[in-house]
């Protein structure tokens, strides 16, 4: 009986946590900006540039932008 009570309390706690966490049950990928992976993003590739990132980089120049736009391609950008 104690095991059933523990399982019930655990289930209620999980339901309450999901209700107040605000995620709505959707997974948010670590590299995406909030709301970036929603919609018809089949390949799960984020938008290039710092606006598509979850955290803001301290510095961002043209080389960083070119490298970010070329990923995941195997060829490097032509700006080198």
Protein backbone atom coordinates (compact mmCIF):
# COMPACT_ATOMS: atom_id res chain seq x y z
CA UNK A 1 0.00 0.00 0.00
CA UNK A 2 2.88 2.34 0.73
CA UNK A 3 4.29 1.85 -2.78
CA UNK A 4 0.97 2.83 -4.39
CA UNK A 5 0.75 5.92 -2.20
CA UNK A 6 4.31 6.89 -3.14
CA UNK A 7 3.56 6.41 -6.86
CA UNK A 8 0.40 8.53 -6.57
CA UNK A 9 2.25 11.33 -4.78
CA UNK A 10 5.00 11.18 -7.40
CA UNK A 11 2.47 11.38 -10.24
CA UNK A 12 0.70 14.34 -8.67
CA UNK A 13 4.01 16.09 -8.10
CA UNK A 14 5.02 15.52 -11.72
CA UNK A 15 1.69 16.87 -12.99
CA UNK A 16 2.00 19.98 -10.83
CA UNK A 17 5.59 20.54 -11.97
CA UNK A 18 4.61 20.25 -15.65
CA UNK A 19 1.70 22.66 -15.10
CA UNK A 20 3.83 25.38 -13.49
CA UNK A 21 7.00 24.92 -15.57
CA UNK A 22 5.46 26.82 -18.47
CA UNK A 23 7.01 24.68 -21.19
CA UNK A 24 3.66 23.29 -22.30
CA UNK A 25 5.22 19.86 -22.73
CA UNK A 26 7.42 20.92 -25.67
CA UNK A 27 11.13 20.22 -25.68
CA UNK A 28 13.35 23.24 -26.17
CA UNK A 29 16.67 22.41 -27.78
CA UNK A 30 19.71 23.88 -26.08
CA UNK A 31 21.12 25.77 -29.07
CA UNK A 32 17.88 27.42 -30.19
CA UNK A 33 16.48 30.78 -29.19
CA UNK A 34 13.12 30.59 -27.39
CA UNK A 35 10.47 29.62 -29.94
CA UNK A 36 13.05 28.91 -32.65
CA UNK A 37 12.44 25.16 -32.95
CA UNK A 38 8.64 25.43 -33.14
CA UNK A 39 6.71 25.09 -36.37
CA UNK A 40 7.74 23.28 -39.52
CA UNK A 41 11.44 23.13 -38.68
CA UNK A 42 11.89 19.52 -39.83
CA UNK A 43 15.70 19.43 -39.85
CA UNK A 44 16.05 21.22 -36.49
CA UNK A 45 18.53 23.73 -37.90
CA UNK A 46 18.50 27.08 -36.18
CA UNK A 47 18.58 30.45 -37.91
CA UNK A 48 22.11 31.72 -38.52
CA UNK A 49 23.35 34.62 -36.47
CA UNK A 50 23.27 35.63 -32.83
CA UNK A 51 19.49 36.24 -32.92
CA UNK A 52 18.97 32.49 -33.40
CA UNK A 53 21.04 31.57 -30.33
CA UNK A 54 19.81 31.08 -26.81
CA UNK A 55 22.71 33.07 -25.32
CA UNK A 56 24.22 36.22 -26.77
CA UNK A 57 27.90 35.92 -27.74
CA UNK A 58 30.15 38.66 -26.32
CA UNK A 59 31.53 39.50 -29.78
CA UNK A 60 30.18 38.77 -33.26
CA UNK A 61 31.93 39.81 -36.49
CA UNK A 62 31.66 39.04 -40.22
CA UNK A 63 33.82 35.91 -39.92
CA UNK A 64 31.62 34.51 -37.16
CA UNK A 65 28.55 35.22 -39.29
CA UNK A 66 30.04 33.50 -42.36
CA UNK A 67 31.04 30.43 -40.35
CA UNK A 68 27.62 30.24 -38.71
CA UNK A 69 25.84 30.50 -42.06
CA UNK A 70 27.94 27.69 -43.57
CA UNK A 71 27.28 25.18 -40.78
CA UNK A 72 26.58 22.17 -41.13
CA UNK A 73 28.01 22.23 -44.65
CA UNK A 74 31.40 20.63 -45.14
CA UNK A 75 32.79 23.51 -47.18
CA UNK A 76 34.22 26.55 -45.40
CA UNK A 77 32.91 30.01 -46.27
CA UNK A 78 34.57 31.77 -49.21
CA UNK A 79 35.56 34.80 -47.14
CA UNK A 80 38.90 33.36 -45.96
